[in-house]
Amino acid sequence: MTRKGLARYTYLIAIAFTLLILFGIWTLLESSKSSKQLATKAVFFSSPPCGCCDTYLPKLRSIITVEVKSLPPDELLGVKKNLGIPENLQSCHTVVINGKYVEGHVPISAVKRLINGGFGEGVVGLALPHRETDAKTWEGPGYYIIFKNGTIWRVYS
């Protein structure tokens, strides 16, 4: 190989190596974004005395850091109204995660999916009214997905 060919070969190797390093840095930045999303904090609003919340809260804490705020009933209803939770889907407690809500005893698997962005941008919350909650597991046979446009889907798990 000539000196000129060797210089060109060295130059191409240097460019490839630089691109590889830049790709590695980009990959690290993207993975840190998703891990930050998983490390989100939730705010759990409830009104005492509610015994079922003591059963659901540990399940929620197993996947996310939770700040608990106990409110008088009228203030809790105000939180629900401000979030736009449909009256027929309201339950005993409300959790707010990244501006989206989880109303009632939504299965933890669905909450994980919400935290990970699995429902998409059009979803404003998940809900499971108290009347549909299984008293043995304090979760339901499904839940509801509420969209920005007001559409509500029933999901069976």
Protein backbone atom coordinates (compact mmCIF):
# COMPACT_ATOMS: atom_id res chain seq x y z
CA MET A 1 0.00 0.00 0.00
CA THR A 2 1.31 3.44 -0.87
CA ARG A 3 1.77 6.23 1.63
CA LYS A 4 -1.18 8.07 0.12
CA GLY A 5 -3.39 4.94 0.31
CA LEU A 6 -2.33 4.33 3.91
CA ALA A 7 -3.21 7.92 4.86
CA ARG A 8 -6.64 7.58 3.23
CA TYR A 9 -7.21 4.25 5.02
CA THR A 10 -6.21 5.78 8.39
CA TYR A 11 -8.52 8.74 7.74
CA LEU A 12 -11.48 6.44 7.01
CA ILE A 13 -10.79 4.39 10.15
CA ALA A 14 -10.72 7.59 12.22
CA ILE A 15 -14.08 8.72 10.77
CA ALA A 16 -15.66 5.31 11.43
CA PHE A 17 -14.33 5.29 15.01
CA THR A 18 -15.68 8.82 15.62
CA LEU A 19 -19.11 7.84 14.30
CA LEU A 20 -19.09 4.77 16.51
CA ILE A 21 -18.30 6.89 19.59
CA LEU A 22 -21.03 9.41 18.70
CA PHE A 23 -23.55 6.58 18.26
CA GLY A 24 -22.56 5.19 21.68
CA ILE A 25 -23.04 8.59 23.33
CA TRP A 26 -26.44 9.03 21.65
CA THR A 27 -27.52 5.53 22.82
CA LEU A 28 -26.52 6.34 26.41
CA LEU A 29 -28.46 9.60 26.33
CA GLU A 30 -31.57 7.88 24.99
CA SER A 31 -31.41 5.11 27.60
CA SER A 32 -31.04 7.66 30.40
CA LYS A 33 -34.20 9.39 29.17
CA SER A 34 -36.23 6.19 29.48
CA SER A 35 -34.80 5.36 32.90
CA LYS A 36 -35.71 8.85 34.11
CA GLN A 37 -39.26 8.23 32.93
CA LEU A 38 -39.34 5.02 35.00
CA ALA A 39 -38.05 6.92 38.04
CA THR A 40 -41.07 9.22 37.98
CA LYS A 41 -42.74 10.28 41.21
CA ALA A 42 -46.46 9.79 41.78
CA VAL A 43 -48.77 11.88 43.94
CA PHE A 44 -51.46 9.80 45.67
CA PHE A 45 -54.55 11.81 46.70
CA SER A 46 -56.99 10.22 49.12
CA SER A 47 -59.54 11.17 51.73
CA PRO A 48 -59.57 9.38 55.09
CA PRO A 49 -60.82 7.03 56.32
CA CYS A 50 -60.33 4.65 53.42
CA GLY A 51 -59.06 1.17 54.22
CA CYS A 52 -58.70 -0.05 50.65
CA CYS A 53 -56.10 2.62 49.90
CA ASP A 54 -53.82 0.98 52.48
CA THR A 55 -54.00 -2.20 50.40
CA TYR A 56 -53.37 -0.57 47.01
CA LEU A 57 -50.64 1.85 48.08
CA PRO A 58 -47.93 -0.82 48.74
CA LYS A 59 -48.56 -2.28 45.28
CA LEU A 60 -48.08 1.16 43.77
CA ARG A 61 -44.96 1.79 45.85
CA SER A 62 -43.45 -1.43 44.49
CA ILE A 63 -43.08 0.26 41.07
CA ILE A 64 -42.77 3.99 41.76
CA THR A 65 -41.96 6.57 44.43
CA VAL A 66 -45.21 7.84 45.91
CA GLU A 67 -46.02 11.04 47.79
CA VAL A 68 -49.28 10.73 49.74
CA LYS A 69 -51.60 13.72 50.18
CA SER A 70 -54.64 13.30 52.39
CA LEU A 71 -57.38 15.79 51.54
CA PRO A 72 -60.86 16.61 52.82
CA PRO A 73 -63.53 15.01 50.58
CA ASP A 74 -64.54 18.28 48.88
CA GLU A 75 -60.91 19.09 47.98
CA LEU A 76 -60.39 15.58 46.61
CA LEU A 77 -63.46 16.04 44.40
CA GLY A 78 -61.92 19.31 43.19
CA VAL A 79 -58.71 17.48 42.21
CA LYS A 80 -60.76 14.93 40.27
CA LYS A 81 -62.75 17.68 38.54
CA ASN A 82 -59.59 19.62 37.59
CA LEU A 83 -58.08 16.47 36.10
CA GLY A 84 -61.25 15.85 34.09
CA ILE A 85 -62.01 12.44 35.56
CA PRO A 86 -65.51 11.40 34.42
CA GLU A 87 -67.91 11.24 37.40
CA ASN A 88 -69.02 7.69 36.58
CA LEU A 89 -65.38 6.49 36.80
CA GLN A 90 -64.42 8.23 40.05
CA SER A 91 -63.23 6.17 42.99
CA CYS A 92 -61.77 6.58 46.48
CA HIS A 93 -58.32 7.81 45.47
CA THR A 94 -56.51 9.49 42.58
CA VAL A 95 -52.87 9.12 41.58
CA VAL A 96 -51.17 11.67 39.32
CA ILE A 97 -48.13 10.52 37.31
CA ASN A 98 -46.52 12.80 34.72
CA GLY A 99 -49.73 14.83 34.45
CA LYS A 100 -51.84 11.72 33.80
CA TYR A 101 -54.16 10.16 36.35
CA VAL A 102 -54.83 6.71 37.70
CA GLU A 103 -58.24 6.64 39.35
CA GLY A 104 -59.05 3.81 41.75
CA HIS A 105 -57.54 0.33 41.80
CA VAL A 106 -56.26 0.06 38.23
CA PRO A 107 -54.13 -3.11 37.86
CA ILE A 108 -50.45 -2.38 38.56
CA SER A 109 -49.48 -3.86 35.18
CA ALA A 110 -51.53 -1.11 33.48
CA VAL A 111 -49.95 1.56 35.71
CA LYS A 112 -46.49 0.32 34.66
CA ARG A 113 -47.55 0.58 31.03
CA LEU A 114 -48.78 4.16 31.61
CA ILE A 115 -45.45 5.11 33.27
CA ASN A 116 -43.56 3.69 30.29
CA GLY A 117 -45.67 5.66 27.81
CA GLY A 118 -47.29 2.51 26.46
CA PHE A 119 -50.73 4.04 25.93
CA GLY A 120 -49.56 6.93 23.71
CA GLU A 121 -49.91 10.68 23.85
CA GLY A 122 -53.69 10.85 23.52
CA VAL A 123 -54.36 9.15 26.85
CA VAL A 124 -55.09 11.36 29.89
CA GLY A 125 -55.72 8.62 32.42
CA LEU A 126 -56.76 5.18 33.53
CA ALA A 127 -59.64 4.38 35.85
CA LEU A 128 -61.37 1.59 37.70
CA PRO A 129 -64.37 2.67 39.77
CA HIS A 130 -64.66 1.21 43.26
CA ARG A 131 -67.87 -0.65 42.38
CA GLU A 132 -65.93 -2.75 39.82
CA THR A 133 -63.03 -3.62 42.14
CA ASP A 134 -62.58 -7.19 43.34
CA ALA A 135 -62.71 -7.06 47.17
CA LYS A 136 -60.21 -9.95 47.45
CA THR A 137 -57.42 -8.53 45.28
CA TRP A 138 -58.36 -4.81 45.35
CA GLU A 139 -57.81 -4.73 41.62
CA GLY A 140 -60.28 -5.22 38.87
CA PRO A 141 -61.04 -7.56 36.04
CA GLY A 142 -59.98 -4.70 33.78
CA TYR A 143 -59.93 -0.92 33.63
CA TYR A 144 -60.85 2.06 31.48
CA ILE A 145 -58.57 4.15 29.26
CA ILE A 146 -59.62 7.79 28.97
CA PHE A 147 -58.49 9.84 25.96
CA LYS A 148 -58.12 13.63 25.56
CA ASN A 149 -61.06 13.72 23.13
CA GLY A 150 -63.38 12.15 25.74
CA THR A 151 -63.38 8.65 24.29
CA ILE A 152 -63.38 5.90 26.93
CA TRP A 153 -62.27 2.32 26.20
CA ARG A 154 -62.96 -0.63 28.46
CA VAL A 155 -60.02 -3.06 28.71
CA TYR A 156 -60.44 -6.55 30.16
CA SER A 157 -57.38 -8.16 31.70
